[in-house]
N, C-alpha and C. Protein backbone atom coordinates (compact mmCIF):
# COMPACT_ATOMS: atom_id res chain seq x y z
N MET A 1 29.21 0.59 15.25
CA MET A 1 27.79 0.63 14.91
C MET A 1 27.12 -0.67 15.33
N ASP A 2 25.96 -0.58 15.94
CA ASP A 2 25.21 -1.76 16.37
C ASP A 2 24.71 -2.52 15.15
N ILE A 3 24.81 -3.86 15.19
CA ILE A 3 24.43 -4.67 14.04
C ILE A 3 22.95 -4.53 13.69
N GLU A 4 22.14 -4.16 14.67
CA GLU A 4 20.71 -3.98 14.41
C GLU A 4 20.47 -2.81 13.46
N SER A 5 21.18 -1.71 13.68
CA SER A 5 20.99 -0.54 12.83
C SER A 5 21.73 -0.68 11.50
N PHE A 6 22.70 -1.60 11.43
CA PHE A 6 23.42 -1.86 10.18
C PHE A 6 22.62 -2.88 9.39
N SER A 7 21.61 -2.41 8.69
CA SER A 7 20.65 -3.30 8.03
C SER A 7 21.24 -3.92 6.77
N PRO A 8 20.60 -4.99 6.23
CA PRO A 8 21.06 -5.57 4.97
C PRO A 8 21.09 -4.55 3.83
N ALA A 9 20.16 -3.58 3.83
CA ALA A 9 20.15 -2.56 2.78
C ALA A 9 21.41 -1.70 2.85
N VAL A 10 21.78 -1.29 4.07
CA VAL A 10 23.00 -0.49 4.25
C VAL A 10 24.23 -1.31 3.86
N PHE A 11 24.24 -2.57 4.30
CA PHE A 11 25.37 -3.45 3.96
C PHE A 11 25.49 -3.61 2.46
N THR A 12 24.36 -3.79 1.77
CA THR A 12 24.37 -3.94 0.31
C THR A 12 24.98 -2.72 -0.36
N TYR A 13 24.60 -1.54 0.11
CA TYR A 13 25.13 -0.30 -0.45
C TYR A 13 26.65 -0.22 -0.26
N VAL A 14 27.11 -0.52 0.95
CA VAL A 14 28.55 -0.48 1.24
C VAL A 14 29.28 -1.54 0.42
N ALA A 15 28.70 -2.74 0.35
CA ALA A 15 29.33 -3.84 -0.38
C ALA A 15 29.43 -3.53 -1.87
N LEU A 16 28.41 -2.90 -2.43
CA LEU A 16 28.44 -2.55 -3.85
C LEU A 16 29.51 -1.50 -4.14
N LEU A 17 29.65 -0.53 -3.23
CA LEU A 17 30.71 0.47 -3.41
C LEU A 17 32.08 -0.20 -3.38
N ALA A 18 32.27 -1.11 -2.43
CA ALA A 18 33.54 -1.83 -2.34
C ALA A 18 33.76 -2.69 -3.57
N TYR A 19 32.69 -3.31 -4.06
CA TYR A 19 32.77 -4.18 -5.25
C TYR A 19 33.18 -3.37 -6.48
N VAL A 20 32.56 -2.21 -6.65
CA VAL A 20 32.90 -1.34 -7.79
C VAL A 20 34.36 -0.92 -7.70
N ALA A 21 34.81 -0.60 -6.48
CA ALA A 21 36.22 -0.21 -6.29
C ALA A 21 37.15 -1.36 -6.66
N ILE A 22 36.80 -2.59 -6.27
CA ILE A 22 37.63 -3.76 -6.61
C ILE A 22 37.67 -3.97 -8.11
N LEU A 23 36.51 -3.87 -8.77
CA LEU A 23 36.46 -4.04 -10.23
C LEU A 23 37.32 -3.00 -10.93
N PHE A 24 37.29 -1.78 -10.40
CA PHE A 24 38.10 -0.72 -11.00
C PHE A 24 39.59 -1.03 -10.87
N LEU A 25 39.98 -1.54 -9.69
CA LEU A 25 41.39 -1.83 -9.44
C LEU A 25 41.91 -3.00 -10.28
N VAL A 26 41.04 -3.97 -10.59
CA VAL A 26 41.49 -5.16 -11.33
C VAL A 26 41.00 -5.17 -12.77
N ARG A 27 40.59 -4.02 -13.27
CA ARG A 27 39.95 -3.95 -14.60
C ARG A 27 40.85 -4.41 -15.75
N LYS A 28 42.16 -4.31 -15.59
CA LYS A 28 43.07 -4.68 -16.68
C LYS A 28 43.60 -6.10 -16.56
N ARG A 29 43.25 -6.77 -15.48
CA ARG A 29 43.71 -8.14 -15.30
C ARG A 29 42.83 -9.11 -16.07
N LYS A 30 43.43 -10.21 -16.50
CA LYS A 30 42.67 -11.27 -17.17
C LYS A 30 42.44 -12.39 -16.17
N PHE A 31 41.18 -12.85 -16.11
CA PHE A 31 40.82 -13.88 -15.13
C PHE A 31 40.41 -15.16 -15.83
N ARG A 32 40.62 -16.28 -15.14
CA ARG A 32 40.07 -17.55 -15.59
C ARG A 32 38.57 -17.55 -15.33
N PHE A 33 37.89 -18.52 -15.92
CA PHE A 33 36.42 -18.56 -15.80
C PHE A 33 35.98 -18.64 -14.35
N TRP A 34 36.61 -19.53 -13.58
CA TRP A 34 36.17 -19.71 -12.19
C TRP A 34 36.45 -18.46 -11.36
N GLN A 35 37.52 -17.74 -11.71
CA GLN A 35 37.82 -16.51 -10.99
C GLN A 35 36.78 -15.42 -11.30
N THR A 36 36.38 -15.36 -12.57
CA THR A 36 35.35 -14.39 -12.97
C THR A 36 34.03 -14.71 -12.29
N ALA A 37 33.67 -16.01 -12.27
CA ALA A 37 32.41 -16.42 -11.64
C ALA A 37 32.43 -16.09 -10.14
N LEU A 38 33.57 -16.35 -9.50
CA LEU A 38 33.70 -16.05 -8.07
C LEU A 38 33.59 -14.56 -7.82
N LEU A 39 34.20 -13.77 -8.68
CA LEU A 39 34.16 -12.32 -8.53
C LEU A 39 32.73 -11.79 -8.68
N LEU A 40 31.98 -12.39 -9.61
CA LEU A 40 30.59 -11.97 -9.81
C LEU A 40 29.69 -12.39 -8.66
N LEU A 41 29.99 -13.55 -8.07
CA LEU A 41 29.16 -14.05 -6.97
C LEU A 41 29.53 -13.46 -5.61
N LEU A 42 30.68 -12.83 -5.53
CA LEU A 42 31.18 -12.32 -4.26
C LEU A 42 30.19 -11.42 -3.52
N PRO A 43 29.54 -10.43 -4.18
CA PRO A 43 28.59 -9.58 -3.44
C PRO A 43 27.39 -10.35 -2.90
N VAL A 44 26.90 -11.31 -3.68
CA VAL A 44 25.75 -12.11 -3.25
C VAL A 44 26.12 -12.95 -2.04
N LEU A 45 27.28 -13.60 -2.10
CA LEU A 45 27.72 -14.43 -0.98
C LEU A 45 27.94 -13.58 0.27
N ALA A 46 28.52 -12.39 0.09
CA ALA A 46 28.75 -11.51 1.23
C ALA A 46 27.43 -11.08 1.86
N LEU A 47 26.45 -10.76 1.03
CA LEU A 47 25.15 -10.33 1.54
C LEU A 47 24.45 -11.46 2.30
N VAL A 48 24.49 -12.66 1.75
CA VAL A 48 23.86 -13.82 2.41
C VAL A 48 24.53 -14.10 3.75
N LEU A 49 25.85 -14.10 3.78
CA LEU A 49 26.58 -14.35 5.03
C LEU A 49 26.27 -13.28 6.07
N PHE A 50 26.21 -12.03 5.64
CA PHE A 50 25.90 -10.95 6.56
C PHE A 50 24.49 -11.10 7.12
N ALA A 51 23.51 -11.39 6.23
CA ALA A 51 22.12 -11.53 6.67
C ALA A 51 21.97 -12.66 7.68
N VAL A 52 22.63 -13.78 7.42
CA VAL A 52 22.57 -14.92 8.35
C VAL A 52 23.22 -14.56 9.68
N ALA A 53 24.40 -13.96 9.63
CA ALA A 53 25.10 -13.58 10.86
C ALA A 53 24.29 -12.56 11.66
N ARG A 54 23.70 -11.59 10.97
CA ARG A 54 22.89 -10.56 11.65
C ARG A 54 21.69 -11.19 12.34
N TYR A 55 21.02 -12.11 11.63
CA TYR A 55 19.85 -12.78 12.22
C TYR A 55 20.26 -13.57 13.47
N LEU A 56 21.36 -14.31 13.37
CA LEU A 56 21.79 -15.13 14.51
C LEU A 56 22.14 -14.27 15.72
N VAL A 57 22.79 -13.12 15.47
CA VAL A 57 23.13 -12.23 16.59
C VAL A 57 21.87 -11.66 17.23
N LEU A 58 20.92 -11.19 16.39
CA LEU A 58 19.69 -10.60 16.92
C LEU A 58 18.84 -11.66 17.62
N GLU A 59 18.82 -12.87 17.06
CA GLU A 59 18.05 -13.96 17.67
C GLU A 59 18.64 -14.33 19.03
N SER A 60 19.97 -14.31 19.14
CA SER A 60 20.61 -14.70 20.40
C SER A 60 20.26 -13.74 21.54
N ARG A 61 19.91 -12.50 21.21
CA ARG A 61 19.53 -11.53 22.24
C ARG A 61 18.20 -11.90 22.89
N LEU A 62 17.43 -12.75 22.22
CA LEU A 62 16.14 -13.17 22.78
C LEU A 62 16.25 -14.42 23.65
N ASP A 63 17.42 -15.05 23.65
CA ASP A 63 17.61 -16.30 24.41
C ASP A 63 17.23 -16.19 25.89
N PRO A 64 17.60 -15.11 26.60
CA PRO A 64 17.25 -15.04 28.02
C PRO A 64 15.75 -15.08 28.30
N PHE A 65 14.92 -14.68 27.31
CA PHE A 65 13.48 -14.63 27.52
C PHE A 65 12.80 -15.99 27.29
N LYS A 66 13.49 -16.88 26.58
CA LYS A 66 12.83 -18.11 26.13
C LYS A 66 12.37 -19.00 27.29
N ALA A 67 13.11 -18.99 28.36
CA ALA A 67 12.75 -19.82 29.52
C ALA A 67 11.51 -19.29 30.24
N HIS A 68 11.07 -18.08 29.90
CA HIS A 68 9.95 -17.44 30.60
C HIS A 68 8.66 -17.41 29.78
N VAL A 69 8.68 -18.02 28.59
CA VAL A 69 7.51 -17.95 27.70
C VAL A 69 6.26 -18.51 28.37
N SER A 70 6.39 -19.62 29.08
CA SER A 70 5.22 -20.21 29.75
C SER A 70 4.65 -19.26 30.80
N GLU A 71 5.51 -18.51 31.45
CA GLU A 71 5.07 -17.51 32.43
C GLU A 71 4.32 -16.37 31.73
N TYR A 72 4.85 -15.95 30.58
CA TYR A 72 4.25 -14.84 29.85
C TYR A 72 2.86 -15.19 29.30
N THR A 73 2.65 -16.47 29.01
CA THR A 73 1.38 -16.89 28.39
C THR A 73 0.41 -17.53 29.38
N ALA A 74 0.73 -17.50 30.65
CA ALA A 74 -0.12 -18.17 31.65
C ALA A 74 -1.29 -17.31 32.13
N VAL A 75 -1.29 -16.03 31.80
CA VAL A 75 -2.33 -15.11 32.29
C VAL A 75 -3.61 -15.34 31.50
N THR A 76 -4.73 -15.53 32.22
CA THR A 76 -6.02 -15.79 31.56
C THR A 76 -7.14 -14.86 32.02
N GLU A 77 -6.93 -14.14 33.11
CA GLU A 77 -7.99 -13.27 33.64
C GLU A 77 -7.95 -11.88 33.02
N TYR A 78 -9.16 -11.37 32.73
CA TYR A 78 -9.28 -10.05 32.11
C TYR A 78 -9.55 -8.99 33.18
N GLN A 79 -9.07 -7.80 32.92
CA GLN A 79 -9.39 -6.64 33.75
C GLN A 79 -9.91 -5.54 32.83
N PRO A 80 -11.22 -5.34 32.77
CA PRO A 80 -11.77 -4.30 31.90
C PRO A 80 -11.37 -2.92 32.38
N GLY A 81 -11.32 -1.99 31.43
CA GLY A 81 -10.96 -0.62 31.79
C GLY A 81 -9.86 -0.11 30.89
N GLU A 82 -8.94 0.65 31.45
CA GLU A 82 -7.89 1.30 30.68
C GLU A 82 -6.87 0.29 30.15
N THR A 83 -6.44 0.52 28.91
CA THR A 83 -5.35 -0.26 28.34
C THR A 83 -4.11 0.62 28.27
N TYR A 84 -2.97 0.07 28.66
CA TYR A 84 -1.75 0.86 28.75
C TYR A 84 -0.55 -0.06 28.61
N ILE A 85 0.61 0.55 28.51
CA ILE A 85 1.88 -0.17 28.54
C ILE A 85 2.56 0.16 29.87
N ARG A 86 2.85 -0.87 30.66
CA ARG A 86 3.58 -0.67 31.91
C ARG A 86 5.02 -1.14 31.72
N GLY A 87 5.96 -0.26 31.95
CA GLY A 87 7.37 -0.65 31.87
C GLY A 87 7.78 -1.11 30.48
N LYS A 88 8.56 -2.18 30.44
CA LYS A 88 9.09 -2.69 29.17
C LYS A 88 8.25 -3.86 28.66
N VAL A 89 8.35 -4.06 27.34
CA VAL A 89 7.46 -5.00 26.64
C VAL A 89 8.24 -6.20 26.09
N ILE A 90 7.58 -7.37 26.13
CA ILE A 90 8.07 -8.53 25.40
C ILE A 90 6.89 -9.10 24.61
N PRO A 91 7.04 -9.29 23.29
CA PRO A 91 5.96 -9.88 22.49
C PRO A 91 6.14 -11.39 22.34
N VAL A 92 5.03 -12.11 22.36
CA VAL A 92 5.07 -13.57 22.25
C VAL A 92 4.18 -14.02 21.09
N ASN A 93 4.74 -14.87 20.25
CA ASN A 93 3.98 -15.49 19.17
C ASN A 93 3.35 -16.78 19.73
N ILE A 94 2.04 -16.76 19.89
CA ILE A 94 1.35 -17.89 20.53
C ILE A 94 1.44 -19.16 19.69
N GLN A 95 1.35 -19.02 18.37
CA GLN A 95 1.40 -20.21 17.51
C GLN A 95 2.72 -20.96 17.65
N ASP A 96 3.82 -20.21 17.74
CA ASP A 96 5.14 -20.84 17.86
C ASP A 96 5.56 -21.04 19.32
N ASN A 97 4.76 -20.48 20.25
CA ASN A 97 5.10 -20.52 21.67
C ASN A 97 6.53 -20.02 21.88
N ALA A 98 6.79 -18.85 21.29
CA ALA A 98 8.14 -18.29 21.30
C ALA A 98 8.08 -16.77 21.30
N ILE A 99 9.19 -16.14 21.61
CA ILE A 99 9.28 -14.69 21.52
C ILE A 99 9.11 -14.31 20.05
N ASP A 100 8.29 -13.30 19.79
CA ASP A 100 8.01 -12.87 18.42
C ASP A 100 9.16 -11.97 17.94
N PHE A 101 10.03 -12.55 17.12
CA PHE A 101 11.24 -11.87 16.63
C PHE A 101 10.89 -10.56 15.91
N ASN A 102 9.99 -10.65 14.94
CA ASN A 102 9.68 -9.48 14.11
C ASN A 102 9.03 -8.36 14.92
N LEU A 103 8.07 -8.71 15.76
CA LEU A 103 7.40 -7.69 16.56
C LEU A 103 8.35 -7.07 17.57
N TYR A 104 9.22 -7.87 18.14
CA TYR A 104 10.18 -7.36 19.12
C TYR A 104 11.06 -6.28 18.49
N TYR A 105 11.60 -6.56 17.30
CA TYR A 105 12.51 -5.60 16.68
C TYR A 105 11.78 -4.48 15.94
N ASP A 106 10.47 -4.63 15.76
CA ASP A 106 9.67 -3.51 15.23
C ASP A 106 9.38 -2.48 16.31
N LEU A 107 9.35 -2.93 17.56
CA LEU A 107 9.06 -2.02 18.67
C LEU A 107 10.17 -0.97 18.82
N PRO A 108 9.81 0.24 19.23
CA PRO A 108 10.86 1.23 19.54
C PRO A 108 11.77 0.69 20.65
N LYS A 109 13.04 1.05 20.59
CA LYS A 109 14.01 0.53 21.55
C LYS A 109 13.63 0.84 22.99
N ASP A 110 12.99 2.00 23.20
CA ASP A 110 12.66 2.38 24.58
C ASP A 110 11.49 1.58 25.14
N LEU A 111 10.79 0.80 24.28
CA LEU A 111 9.70 -0.06 24.75
C LEU A 111 10.16 -1.50 25.00
N ARG A 112 11.20 -1.92 24.31
CA ARG A 112 11.64 -3.31 24.38
C ARG A 112 12.30 -3.64 25.71
N ALA A 113 11.95 -4.80 26.24
CA ALA A 113 12.64 -5.29 27.44
C ALA A 113 14.03 -5.77 27.02
N GLY A 114 15.03 -5.38 27.79
CA GLY A 114 16.40 -5.82 27.51
C GLY A 114 16.76 -7.10 28.25
N SER A 115 15.95 -7.44 29.26
CA SER A 115 16.18 -8.65 30.04
C SER A 115 14.85 -9.10 30.63
N PRO A 116 14.73 -10.36 31.04
CA PRO A 116 13.48 -10.84 31.65
C PRO A 116 13.06 -10.03 32.87
N GLU A 117 14.02 -9.48 33.59
CA GLU A 117 13.72 -8.70 34.80
C GLU A 117 13.00 -7.39 34.47
N GLU A 118 13.15 -6.92 33.25
CA GLU A 118 12.52 -5.66 32.84
C GLU A 118 11.08 -5.82 32.36
N VAL A 119 10.64 -7.04 32.09
CA VAL A 119 9.33 -7.27 31.48
C VAL A 119 8.20 -6.94 32.45
N ARG A 120 7.36 -6.01 32.06
CA ARG A 120 6.15 -5.67 32.82
C ARG A 120 4.90 -5.82 31.97
N THR A 121 5.06 -5.73 30.64
CA THR A 121 3.93 -5.89 29.72
C THR A 121 4.25 -6.98 28.70
N VAL A 122 3.27 -7.85 28.48
CA VAL A 122 3.40 -8.91 27.47
C VAL A 122 2.38 -8.64 26.36
N ILE A 123 2.84 -8.75 25.12
CA ILE A 123 1.93 -8.67 23.97
C ILE A 123 1.86 -10.06 23.35
N GLU A 124 0.70 -10.69 23.46
CA GLU A 124 0.50 -11.98 22.81
C GLU A 124 -0.07 -11.74 21.41
N GLN A 125 0.48 -12.43 20.42
CA GLN A 125 0.01 -12.24 19.06
C GLN A 125 -0.27 -13.59 18.39
N VAL A 126 -1.41 -13.67 17.71
CA VAL A 126 -1.77 -14.83 16.89
C VAL A 126 -2.21 -14.30 15.53
N CYS A 127 -1.53 -14.70 14.47
CA CYS A 127 -1.89 -14.27 13.12
C CYS A 127 -2.30 -15.49 12.29
N THR A 128 -3.45 -15.39 11.63
CA THR A 128 -3.93 -16.47 10.77
C THR A 128 -4.33 -15.90 9.42
N ALA A 129 -4.17 -16.70 8.40
CA ALA A 129 -4.55 -16.30 7.04
C ALA A 129 -5.84 -17.00 6.66
N SER A 130 -6.85 -16.22 6.25
CA SER A 130 -8.16 -16.78 5.88
C SER A 130 -8.37 -16.68 4.38
N LEU A 131 -8.93 -17.73 3.82
CA LEU A 131 -9.23 -17.75 2.38
C LEU A 131 -10.41 -16.82 2.11
N VAL A 132 -10.20 -15.83 1.24
CA VAL A 132 -11.26 -14.87 0.91
C VAL A 132 -11.67 -14.95 -0.56
N GLY A 133 -11.03 -15.83 -1.31
CA GLY A 133 -11.38 -15.99 -2.73
C GLY A 133 -10.42 -16.95 -3.41
N THR A 134 -10.69 -17.23 -4.67
CA THR A 134 -9.80 -18.07 -5.47
C THR A 134 -9.56 -17.39 -6.82
N TYR A 135 -8.47 -17.76 -7.44
CA TYR A 135 -8.10 -17.18 -8.74
C TYR A 135 -8.47 -18.13 -9.87
N THR A 136 -8.73 -17.57 -11.05
CA THR A 136 -9.16 -18.38 -12.19
C THR A 136 -8.07 -19.36 -12.64
N ARG A 137 -6.83 -19.00 -12.44
CA ARG A 137 -5.71 -19.89 -12.81
C ARG A 137 -5.40 -20.91 -11.72
N GLY A 138 -6.12 -20.83 -10.60
CA GLY A 138 -5.85 -21.70 -9.46
C GLY A 138 -5.15 -20.94 -8.36
N GLY A 139 -5.15 -21.49 -7.18
CA GLY A 139 -4.54 -20.81 -6.04
C GLY A 139 -5.57 -19.99 -5.28
N GLY A 140 -5.33 -19.82 -4.00
CA GLY A 140 -6.26 -19.09 -3.15
C GLY A 140 -5.79 -17.68 -2.85
N ALA A 141 -6.76 -16.82 -2.54
CA ALA A 141 -6.48 -15.45 -2.12
C ALA A 141 -6.69 -15.39 -0.61
N TYR A 142 -5.66 -15.02 0.13
CA TYR A 142 -5.71 -15.06 1.59
C TYR A 142 -5.50 -13.67 2.20
N ARG A 143 -6.21 -13.45 3.29
CA ARG A 143 -6.08 -12.20 4.03
C ARG A 143 -5.70 -12.51 5.47
N TRP A 144 -4.77 -11.73 6.01
CA TRP A 144 -4.27 -11.95 7.36
C TRP A 144 -5.14 -11.27 8.40
N THR A 145 -5.33 -11.98 9.52
CA THR A 145 -5.97 -11.41 10.70
C THR A 145 -5.06 -11.68 11.90
N CYS A 146 -4.77 -10.63 12.65
CA CYS A 146 -3.90 -10.78 13.82
C CYS A 146 -4.66 -10.38 15.08
N LYS A 147 -4.64 -11.26 16.08
CA LYS A 147 -5.28 -10.96 17.36
C LYS A 147 -4.19 -10.68 18.40
N LEU A 148 -4.35 -9.57 19.09
CA LEU A 148 -3.39 -9.15 20.10
C LEU A 148 -4.02 -9.13 21.47
N LYS A 149 -3.24 -9.53 22.46
CA LYS A 149 -3.63 -9.36 23.86
C LYS A 149 -2.57 -8.51 24.54
N VAL A 150 -3.00 -7.50 25.26
CA VAL A 150 -2.09 -6.66 26.04
C VAL A 150 -2.22 -7.10 27.49
N ILE A 151 -1.11 -7.54 28.09
CA ILE A 151 -1.13 -8.13 29.42
C ILE A 151 -0.22 -7.34 30.36
N ASP A 152 -0.77 -6.94 31.49
CA ASP A 152 0.04 -6.33 32.55
C ASP A 152 0.54 -7.47 33.42
N LEU A 153 1.79 -7.82 33.24
CA LEU A 153 2.35 -8.97 33.95
C LEU A 153 2.48 -8.71 35.45
N SER A 154 2.60 -7.44 35.83
CA SER A 154 2.79 -7.13 37.24
C SER A 154 1.54 -7.43 38.08
N ILE A 155 0.36 -7.43 37.42
CA ILE A 155 -0.88 -7.77 38.14
C ILE A 155 -1.53 -9.03 37.56
N SER A 156 -0.86 -9.63 36.56
CA SER A 156 -1.35 -10.86 35.90
C SER A 156 -2.78 -10.70 35.38
N LYS A 157 -2.99 -9.64 34.58
CA LYS A 157 -4.30 -9.38 34.00
C LYS A 157 -4.18 -9.04 32.52
N ILE A 158 -5.16 -9.53 31.75
CA ILE A 158 -5.27 -9.15 30.35
C ILE A 158 -6.06 -7.84 30.29
N LEU A 159 -5.44 -6.80 29.75
CA LEU A 159 -6.09 -5.49 29.72
C LEU A 159 -7.01 -5.34 28.52
N GLU A 160 -6.61 -5.93 27.39
CA GLU A 160 -7.43 -5.79 26.19
C GLU A 160 -7.06 -6.87 25.18
N GLU A 161 -8.07 -7.26 24.41
CA GLU A 161 -7.84 -8.15 23.26
C GLU A 161 -8.35 -7.41 22.04
N LYS A 162 -7.53 -7.29 21.03
CA LYS A 162 -7.87 -6.48 19.86
C LYS A 162 -7.50 -7.22 18.58
N THR A 163 -8.34 -7.05 17.55
CA THR A 163 -8.12 -7.73 16.27
C THR A 163 -7.76 -6.72 15.19
N PHE A 164 -6.77 -7.08 14.39
CA PHE A 164 -6.32 -6.25 13.27
C PHE A 164 -6.40 -7.07 11.99
N THR A 165 -6.86 -6.43 10.93
CA THR A 165 -7.01 -7.12 9.64
C THR A 165 -6.05 -6.54 8.63
N GLY A 166 -5.37 -7.41 7.91
CA GLY A 166 -4.41 -6.99 6.91
C GLY A 166 -5.07 -6.55 5.62
N SER A 167 -4.26 -6.23 4.64
CA SER A 167 -4.78 -5.75 3.36
C SER A 167 -5.37 -6.89 2.53
N GLU A 168 -6.18 -6.51 1.56
CA GLU A 168 -6.74 -7.50 0.65
C GLU A 168 -5.63 -8.12 -0.19
N PRO A 169 -5.77 -9.41 -0.55
CA PRO A 169 -4.78 -10.03 -1.44
C PRO A 169 -4.88 -9.42 -2.84
N PRO A 170 -3.88 -9.63 -3.69
CA PRO A 170 -3.95 -9.08 -5.05
C PRO A 170 -5.22 -9.52 -5.77
N GLY A 171 -5.77 -8.62 -6.58
CA GLY A 171 -7.02 -8.93 -7.30
C GLY A 171 -6.82 -9.95 -8.41
N THR A 172 -5.62 -9.96 -9.00
CA THR A 172 -5.32 -10.90 -10.07
C THR A 172 -3.93 -11.49 -9.85
N THR A 173 -3.67 -12.59 -10.51
CA THR A 173 -2.35 -13.22 -10.44
C THR A 173 -2.05 -13.90 -11.76
N THR A 174 -0.77 -13.97 -12.12
CA THR A 174 -0.39 -14.60 -13.39
C THR A 174 -0.04 -16.07 -13.20
N GLY A 175 0.11 -16.50 -11.97
CA GLY A 175 0.46 -17.89 -11.70
C GLY A 175 -0.66 -18.64 -11.02
N SER A 176 -0.32 -19.81 -10.50
CA SER A 176 -1.33 -20.64 -9.85
C SER A 176 -1.06 -20.82 -8.36
N LYS A 177 -0.15 -20.01 -7.82
CA LYS A 177 0.19 -20.13 -6.40
C LYS A 177 -0.77 -19.29 -5.55
N ASN A 178 -0.85 -19.63 -4.26
CA ASN A 178 -1.63 -18.83 -3.33
C ASN A 178 -1.02 -17.44 -3.20
N GLN A 179 -1.89 -16.45 -3.04
CA GLN A 179 -1.44 -15.07 -2.88
C GLN A 179 -1.98 -14.52 -1.56
N TYR A 180 -1.18 -13.66 -0.92
CA TYR A 180 -1.53 -13.12 0.40
C TYR A 180 -1.46 -11.59 0.38
N GLY A 181 -2.38 -10.99 1.13
CA GLY A 181 -2.25 -9.57 1.40
C GLY A 181 -1.17 -9.37 2.44
N SER A 182 -0.86 -8.13 2.75
CA SER A 182 0.16 -7.86 3.76
C SER A 182 -0.43 -7.98 5.16
N LYS A 183 0.41 -8.28 6.12
CA LYS A 183 -0.02 -8.33 7.52
C LYS A 183 -0.25 -6.91 8.03
N PRO A 184 -1.09 -6.75 9.04
CA PRO A 184 -1.38 -5.40 9.56
C PRO A 184 -0.29 -4.90 10.51
N SER A 185 0.95 -5.05 10.13
CA SER A 185 2.08 -4.71 11.01
C SER A 185 2.10 -3.23 11.38
N ASP A 186 1.85 -2.36 10.40
CA ASP A 186 1.88 -0.92 10.68
C ASP A 186 0.76 -0.52 11.64
N GLU A 187 -0.43 -1.08 11.43
CA GLU A 187 -1.57 -0.76 12.30
C GLU A 187 -1.30 -1.21 13.74
N ILE A 188 -0.71 -2.40 13.87
CA ILE A 188 -0.38 -2.93 15.19
C ILE A 188 0.64 -2.02 15.89
N MET A 189 1.66 -1.61 15.15
CA MET A 189 2.68 -0.76 15.75
C MET A 189 2.11 0.60 16.13
N ASP A 190 1.24 1.15 15.27
CA ASP A 190 0.61 2.44 15.59
C ASP A 190 -0.21 2.33 16.87
N TYR A 191 -0.92 1.21 17.02
CA TYR A 191 -1.74 0.98 18.21
C TYR A 191 -0.88 0.89 19.47
N LEU A 192 0.17 0.10 19.40
CA LEU A 192 1.02 -0.13 20.57
C LEU A 192 1.76 1.14 21.00
N THR A 193 2.29 1.87 20.03
CA THR A 193 3.07 3.07 20.38
C THR A 193 2.16 4.22 20.85
N ALA A 194 0.87 4.14 20.53
CA ALA A 194 -0.07 5.20 20.97
C ALA A 194 -0.64 4.93 22.36
N LEU A 195 -0.44 3.73 22.89
CA LEU A 195 -0.98 3.42 24.22
C LEU A 195 -0.29 4.26 25.29
N PRO A 196 -1.05 4.71 26.29
CA PRO A 196 -0.40 5.44 27.39
C PRO A 196 0.57 4.54 28.15
N ARG A 197 1.60 5.14 28.71
CA ARG A 197 2.62 4.36 29.43
C ARG A 197 2.55 4.66 30.93
N LYS A 198 2.83 3.61 31.67
CA LYS A 198 2.83 3.75 33.14
C LYS A 198 4.18 3.32 33.69
């Protein structure tokens, strides 16, 4: 099974089943305090190690694209008219000047570029949080805005620039920390997957 499809949720489910089986097998044994503590922490440690390992493996798949980020972000000319997806896609986070990890893995597999040679469309993304209010206990209420550019790299033209707004932040809060609405991730994905392909 590919590590991408073996999500932390699936791993947690499998780990809990294994943990219950272990507890059943050792139920009559007497443990010292440190052994009991280790046994209780075992699922948490396993989940953390898996999550870290999974992230590192998925992140390493983006390494071949990193040397091309400046090329992906060098396009400045617009071409009005039809917006589309040509070939395979690579998303770039402009603020970090890096491949956008979350957007890349949110894309359907058939849209993602597997290598720099496959890239024909670049999606540039910039997300900022704007203060839209304050809470009586302190802390700000922030709403996300994400700006996307769809770029046909084969002709070095920006086809469209589009803005997406996230949800409103919570109306109330019990603490004094800043609160944020959700990012418009679903809206962005719906937009990208609905674009015609060439």
